[in-house]
N, C-alpha and C. Protein backbone atom coordinates (compact mmCIF):
# COMPACT_ATOMS: atom_id res chain seq x y z
N MET A 1 1.04 -1.57 0.06
CA MET A 1 -0.22 -0.16 -0.15
C MET A 1 0.88 1.42 0.51
N ASP A 2 0.39 2.23 -0.90
CA ASP A 2 1.39 3.43 -1.03
C ASP A 2 0.61 4.05 -0.41
N SER A 3 -0.71 4.33 -0.45
CA SER A 3 -1.21 5.55 0.17
C SER A 3 -2.04 5.08 1.10
N LEU A 4 -2.55 6.28 2.02
CA LEU A 4 -3.73 5.26 3.01
C LEU A 4 -4.53 6.04 2.58
N PRO A 5 -6.11 4.83 1.70
CA PRO A 5 -7.25 4.41 1.22
C PRO A 5 -8.08 5.99 2.14
N ASP A 6 -9.17 6.61 2.12
CA ASP A 6 -9.80 7.65 1.75
C ASP A 6 -10.81 7.03 2.66
N LEU A 7 -10.51 6.97 4.66
CA LEU A 7 -10.96 6.24 5.45
C LEU A 7 -12.74 6.51 5.44
N THR A 8 -13.20 7.68 5.50
CA THR A 8 -15.16 7.92 5.04
C THR A 8 -15.00 6.60 3.95
N ARG A 9 -14.82 6.12 3.78
CA ARG A 9 -15.44 5.07 2.50
C ARG A 9 -15.24 3.87 2.85
N LEU A 10 -14.37 3.74 4.00
CA LEU A 10 -14.16 2.28 4.53
C LEU A 10 -14.96 1.61 5.33
N SER A 11 -15.48 0.60 5.25
CA SER A 11 -16.38 -0.01 6.40
C SER A 11 -15.71 -0.72 7.91
N GLU A 12 -16.37 -0.81 8.67
CA GLU A 12 -15.92 -1.16 9.78
C GLU A 12 -15.51 -2.41 10.06
N GLN A 13 -15.29 -2.86 9.16
CA GLN A 13 -14.35 -4.16 9.36
C GLN A 13 -13.01 -4.52 7.84
N GLU A 14 -13.12 -3.25 6.90
CA GLU A 14 -12.02 -2.88 6.48
C GLU A 14 -11.04 -2.12 6.71
N LYS A 15 -11.86 -1.36 8.39
CA LYS A 15 -10.63 -0.76 8.80
C LYS A 15 -10.22 -1.21 9.87
N GLU A 16 -10.64 -2.79 10.46
CA GLU A 16 -9.69 -3.43 10.95
C GLU A 16 -9.48 -4.38 10.46
N ALA A 17 -9.32 -4.58 8.84
CA ALA A 17 -8.98 -4.47 8.46
C ALA A 17 -7.11 -4.53 7.68
N LEU A 18 -7.62 -2.82 8.05
CA LEU A 18 -6.49 -2.08 7.34
C LEU A 18 -5.31 -1.81 8.45
N MET A 19 -5.83 -1.94 10.03
CA MET A 19 -5.51 -1.48 11.43
C MET A 19 -5.01 -2.88 11.22
N ALA A 20 -4.97 -4.13 11.55
CA ALA A 20 -4.22 -5.08 11.69
C ALA A 20 -3.30 -5.55 10.42
N ALA A 21 -3.32 -4.79 9.46
CA ALA A 21 -2.78 -4.70 8.51
C ALA A 21 -1.43 -4.17 8.88
N LEU A 22 -1.73 -2.63 8.90
CA LEU A 22 -0.86 -1.69 9.56
C LEU A 22 0.13 -1.86 10.92
N TRP A 23 -0.53 -2.70 12.10
CA TRP A 23 -0.03 -3.46 13.06
C TRP A 23 1.05 -4.29 13.17
N ALA A 24 0.86 -5.43 12.27
CA ALA A 24 1.88 -6.44 11.77
C ALA A 24 3.36 -6.00 11.36
N GLU A 25 2.74 -4.29 10.30
CA GLU A 25 3.89 -4.07 9.07
C GLU A 25 4.56 -3.48 10.48
N VAL A 26 3.80 -2.54 11.82
CA VAL A 26 4.48 -1.98 12.39
C VAL A 26 5.92 -3.01 12.92
N GLN A 27 5.33 -3.79 13.38
CA GLN A 27 6.08 -4.91 13.82
C GLN A 27 6.86 -5.43 13.41
N ARG A 28 6.79 -5.71 11.90
CA ARG A 28 7.62 -5.95 11.27
C ARG A 28 9.22 -5.49 11.36
N LEU A 29 8.88 -3.68 11.12
CA LEU A 29 9.39 -3.16 10.91
C LEU A 29 9.91 -3.14 12.06
N ARG A 30 9.97 -3.40 13.88
CA ARG A 30 10.44 -3.09 14.71
C ARG A 30 11.38 -4.11 15.07
N ALA A 31 11.03 -5.31 14.08
CA ALA A 31 12.42 -6.00 14.83
C ALA A 31 13.69 -6.40 13.71
N CYS A 32 12.65 -5.79 12.34
CA CYS A 32 14.26 -5.61 11.71
C CYS A 32 15.53 -3.97 12.31
N LEU A 33 14.32 -3.39 12.77
CA LEU A 33 14.90 -2.45 13.53
C LEU A 33 15.59 -3.05 14.71
N ALA A 34 15.41 -3.80 15.02
CA ALA A 34 15.77 -4.48 16.61
C ALA A 34 17.23 -5.00 16.14
N ALA A 35 17.27 -6.01 15.03
CA ALA A 35 18.77 -6.31 14.14
C ALA A 35 19.56 -5.43 13.95
N PHE A 36 19.18 -4.58 13.15
CA PHE A 36 19.14 -3.38 13.13
C PHE A 36 21.03 -2.90 13.81
N GLU A 37 20.00 -2.79 14.68
CA GLU A 37 20.74 -2.12 16.29
C GLU A 37 21.68 -3.08 17.14
N ALA A 38 21.71 -3.92 16.61
CA ALA A 38 21.86 -5.60 17.06
C ALA A 38 23.41 -5.69 16.23
N THR A 39 23.27 -5.28 15.58
CA THR A 39 25.32 -5.42 14.77
C THR A 39 25.37 -4.20 14.38
N GLN A 40 25.31 -2.76 15.05
CA GLN A 40 25.66 -1.61 15.33
C GLN A 40 26.81 -2.23 16.13
N GLN A 41 25.96 -3.18 17.52
CA GLN A 41 26.23 -2.92 18.59
C GLN A 41 27.98 -3.86 18.57
N GLU A 42 27.98 -4.99 17.03
CA GLU A 42 29.56 -5.54 17.03
C GLU A 42 30.66 -4.90 16.50
N PRO A 43 32.10 -5.73 17.63
CA PRO A 43 32.83 -4.86 16.88
C PRO A 43 33.24 -4.95 15.64
N GLY A 44 33.83 -3.35 14.70
CA GLY A 44 34.57 -3.88 13.61
C GLY A 44 35.25 -5.12 13.01
N LYS A 45 35.39 -4.91 11.42
CA LYS A 45 36.12 -6.19 11.39
C LYS A 45 37.66 -5.54 11.49
N ASP A 46 38.22 -6.43 11.63
CA ASP A 46 40.44 -6.26 11.81
C ASP A 46 40.74 -7.71 11.14
N ALA A 47 42.11 -6.99 11.08
CA ALA A 47 42.93 -8.45 10.93
C ALA A 47 42.81 -9.15 11.66
N HIS A 48 42.14 -9.08 12.80
CA HIS A 48 42.36 -10.04 14.53
C HIS A 48 41.31 -11.09 14.22
N ASN A 49 40.12 -10.62 14.46
CA ASN A 49 38.71 -11.17 14.06
C ASN A 49 38.15 -11.74 12.57
N ALA A 50 38.69 -11.63 11.44
CA ALA A 50 38.06 -11.36 10.18
C ALA A 50 39.09 -11.52 8.78
N SER A 51 38.73 -11.85 7.78
CA SER A 51 40.05 -12.09 7.03
C SER A 51 40.34 -10.85 5.66
N VAL A 52 40.48 -9.32 6.62
CA VAL A 52 40.85 -8.54 5.97
C VAL A 52 42.43 -8.58 6.34
N PRO A 53 43.38 -8.12 5.21
CA PRO A 53 44.79 -7.29 5.56
C PRO A 53 44.91 -6.43 6.48
N PRO A 54 45.86 -6.17 7.24
CA PRO A 54 46.31 -5.69 7.92
C PRO A 54 46.54 -4.04 7.53
N SER A 55 47.30 -3.96 7.05
CA SER A 55 47.34 -2.80 5.89
C SER A 55 44.88 -1.74 5.94
N ARG A 56 44.51 -3.12 6.64
CA ARG A 56 43.12 -2.03 6.89
C ARG A 56 42.81 -2.16 7.40
N THR A 57 43.64 -3.24 8.75
CA THR A 57 43.06 -2.27 10.34
C THR A 57 43.44 -0.80 10.70
N PRO A 58 43.11 -0.35 11.04
CA PRO A 58 42.75 1.61 11.56
C PRO A 58 43.94 1.54 12.58
N LYS A 59 45.10 1.88 13.17
CA LYS A 59 46.56 1.68 14.18
C LYS A 59 45.86 2.39 15.47
N THR A 60 46.11 1.26 15.93
CA THR A 60 45.35 1.68 17.69
C THR A 60 45.11 3.13 19.08
N HIS A 61 46.98 2.48 18.27
CA HIS A 61 48.12 4.20 19.29
C HIS A 61 48.73 5.45 18.13
N VAL A 62 47.77 5.76 17.30
CA VAL A 62 48.51 6.72 16.31
C VAL A 62 47.53 7.37 15.90
N PRO A 63 46.97 8.71 16.46
CA PRO A 63 46.17 9.71 15.75
C PRO A 63 45.95 9.95 14.61
N PRO A 64 45.10 10.06 13.69
CA PRO A 64 45.46 10.39 12.42
C PRO A 64 45.60 11.86 12.66
N GLY A 65 46.43 11.98 11.55
CA GLY A 65 46.79 13.33 11.70
C GLY A 65 46.76 14.34 10.32
N PRO A 66 46.77 14.65 10.43
CA PRO A 66 46.49 16.31 9.22
C PRO A 66 47.20 15.93 7.49
N ARG A 67 45.89 16.25 6.72
CA ARG A 67 46.97 15.39 5.58
C ARG A 67 47.84 16.25 4.95
N THR A 68 49.29 16.27 4.35
CA THR A 68 50.28 17.01 3.60
C THR A 68 49.21 17.23 2.81
N GLY A 69 50.18 19.14 2.28
CA GLY A 69 49.83 19.47 1.15
C GLY A 69 50.19 19.03 0.09
N THR A 70 51.76 17.79 0.58
CA THR A 70 52.40 17.10 -1.75
C THR A 70 50.94 17.39 -2.13
N HIS A 71 51.10 16.66 -4.04
CA HIS A 71 50.07 16.17 -4.77
C HIS A 71 51.35 15.41 -5.22
N ARG A 72 50.65 14.35 -5.53
CA ARG A 72 50.39 14.42 -7.19
C ARG A 72 50.37 14.60 -7.82
N ALA A 73 51.61 14.94 -9.48
CA ALA A 73 52.04 15.41 -10.81
C ALA A 73 50.04 14.59 -11.48
N ALA A 74 49.52 15.90 -11.71
CA ALA A 74 48.61 14.74 -13.41
C ALA A 74 49.32 13.56 -13.43
N SER A 75 48.99 12.57 -14.68
CA SER A 75 48.97 11.35 -15.24
C SER A 75 49.69 11.99 -17.07
N VAL A 76 50.22 11.15 -17.37
CA VAL A 76 51.05 12.36 -18.63
C VAL A 76 49.93 12.45 -19.76
N GLY A 77 49.92 13.35 -20.55
CA GLY A 77 48.97 13.01 -21.71
C GLY A 77 47.46 13.51 -20.91
N ARG A 78 46.95 14.49 -19.83
CA ARG A 78 46.10 15.62 -19.03
C ARG A 78 47.67 16.67 -19.35
N ALA A 79 45.72 17.83 -19.24
CA ALA A 79 46.79 19.37 -19.41
C ALA A 79 47.85 19.23 -17.93
N GLY A 80 48.55 20.06 -18.24
CA GLY A 80 49.62 20.19 -16.94
C GLY A 80 50.28 18.93 -16.83
N GLY A 81 49.59 17.50 -16.94
CA GLY A 81 50.33 16.36 -16.46
C GLY A 81 51.94 15.97 -16.91
N GLY A 82 52.21 14.98 -16.46
CA GLY A 82 53.88 14.32 -17.44
C GLY A 82 54.55 15.28 -16.83
N ARG A 83 55.97 14.93 -17.33
CA ARG A 83 57.57 15.45 -16.77
C ARG A 83 58.02 17.09 -17.20
N PRO A 84 58.46 17.44 -16.95
CA PRO A 84 59.15 19.11 -17.43
C PRO A 84 59.86 18.48 -18.99
N LEU A 85 59.69 18.98 -19.99
CA LEU A 85 60.85 18.70 -21.12
C LEU A 85 61.34 19.88 -21.37
N HIS A 86 62.51 19.42 -21.34
CA HIS A 86 63.72 19.54 -21.30
C HIS A 86 64.31 20.91 -23.15
N PRO A 87 64.54 22.41 -21.54
CA PRO A 87 65.30 23.28 -22.18
C PRO A 87 65.87 23.00 -24.44
N ALA A 88 66.08 22.10 -24.25
CA ALA A 88 67.42 21.97 -25.29
C ALA A 88 67.33 20.56 -25.48
N PRO A 89 65.92 19.65 -26.75
CA PRO A 89 66.10 18.82 -27.10
C PRO A 89 67.50 18.09 -27.87
N ASP A 90 67.93 17.81 -28.10
CA ASP A 90 68.50 17.01 -28.92
C ASP A 90 68.41 15.96 -30.17
N ASN A 91 67.07 15.67 -29.84
CA ASN A 91 66.57 14.88 -31.57
C ASN A 91 64.80 14.94 -30.92
N VAL A 92 64.44 15.19 -31.83
CA VAL A 92 62.80 15.47 -31.98
C VAL A 92 61.73 14.25 -33.39
N ILE A 93 61.10 13.82 -32.35
CA ILE A 93 60.44 12.87 -32.72
C ILE A 93 59.20 13.70 -33.74
N ILE A 94 58.84 13.03 -34.68
CA ILE A 94 57.03 13.89 -35.61
C ILE A 94 56.42 12.44 -35.15
N ALA A 95 55.76 11.91 -34.57
CA ALA A 95 54.75 10.80 -34.72
C ALA A 95 53.72 11.03 -35.26
N LYS A 96 53.32 10.32 -36.59
CA LYS A 96 52.71 10.50 -37.41
C LYS A 96 51.71 8.87 -37.84
N ALA A 97 50.67 8.76 -37.67
CA ALA A 97 50.10 7.71 -38.21
C ALA A 97 50.06 7.52 -39.39
N LYS A 98 50.00 5.87 -39.34
CA LYS A 98 50.29 5.29 -41.66
C LYS A 98 48.77 5.02 -41.65
N SER A 99 47.76 4.07 -40.74
CA SER A 99 46.56 4.02 -40.93
C SER A 99 45.80 4.29 -39.89
N GLY A 100 44.54 4.68 -40.14
CA GLY A 100 43.57 5.22 -39.99
C GLY A 100 43.05 4.17 -38.84
N PRO A 101 42.11 4.37 -37.23
CA PRO A 101 41.83 3.15 -36.62
C PRO A 101 40.60 2.96 -37.13
N HIS A 102 39.67 3.17 -37.95
CA HIS A 102 39.00 2.01 -38.45
C HIS A 102 38.68 2.24 -39.58
N GLY A 103 38.85 1.17 -40.04
CA GLY A 103 38.66 0.78 -41.49
C GLY A 103 40.84 0.02 -41.28
N GLY A 104 41.58 0.97 -41.09
CA GLY A 104 42.90 0.46 -41.13
C GLY A 104 43.37 1.41 -42.79
N HIS A 105 42.70 2.12 -43.03
CA HIS A 105 42.97 2.60 -44.25
C HIS A 105 43.78 3.97 -44.43
N GLY A 106 44.52 4.21 -45.51
CA GLY A 106 45.48 5.09 -45.20
C GLY A 106 45.09 6.53 -44.70
N VAL A 107 46.42 7.35 -43.52
CA VAL A 107 46.06 8.55 -43.12
C VAL A 107 47.30 9.53 -44.14
N GLN A 108 46.46 11.12 -44.56
CA GLN A 108 47.66 11.49 -45.20
C GLN A 108 47.91 12.20 -43.08
N HIS A 109 49.44 12.78 -44.00
CA HIS A 109 50.12 13.69 -42.90
C HIS A 109 49.23 14.79 -43.01
N ALA A 110 49.19 15.42 -44.14
CA ALA A 110 48.72 16.85 -43.94
C ALA A 110 47.37 16.35 -43.14
N ASP A 111 46.59 15.85 -43.08
CA ASP A 111 45.51 15.57 -42.02
C ASP A 111 45.71 15.62 -40.77
N GLN A 112 46.61 15.04 -40.37
CA GLN A 112 47.25 15.10 -38.59
C GLN A 112 48.15 15.98 -37.99
N PRO A 113 47.39 16.87 -37.68
CA PRO A 113 47.71 17.80 -36.89
C PRO A 113 48.46 17.76 -35.71
N ARG A 114 49.49 18.80 -35.40
CA ARG A 114 49.99 18.26 -33.60
C ARG A 114 48.86 18.97 -32.56
N HIS A 115 48.32 17.91 -32.29
CA HIS A 115 47.82 17.77 -30.87
C HIS A 115 48.33 18.68 -28.99
N ALA A 116 49.75 17.83 -29.40
CA ALA A 116 50.85 18.84 -28.22
C ALA A 116 51.60 17.85 -28.16
N VAL A 117 53.23 18.17 -27.43
CA VAL A 117 54.03 18.41 -27.45
C VAL A 117 54.40 17.69 -26.47
């Protein structure tokens, strides 16, 4: 039942049946809540009482410190990522495709503009 029916149109027997159904639903939900609250009282899983690797077990004697301000550099191929280029390279390679990705037909070198350095 998604919504409460119009109680003015129900007979006394239908109202009593509705109340009995709602009471049964309340009892079922109370049992579910009690089972949930019982699981919340159990200790958490760690390497001592479950098959969890020791690296996932929180350290008990070490308080969590603030995060450091160092960030890992972005991946190569993303904007601003990768290592810096040498200011005076001694060898330059211009990579051009010989065939297209769809169908394998030839691709002209003029059709391949430079996208990045």
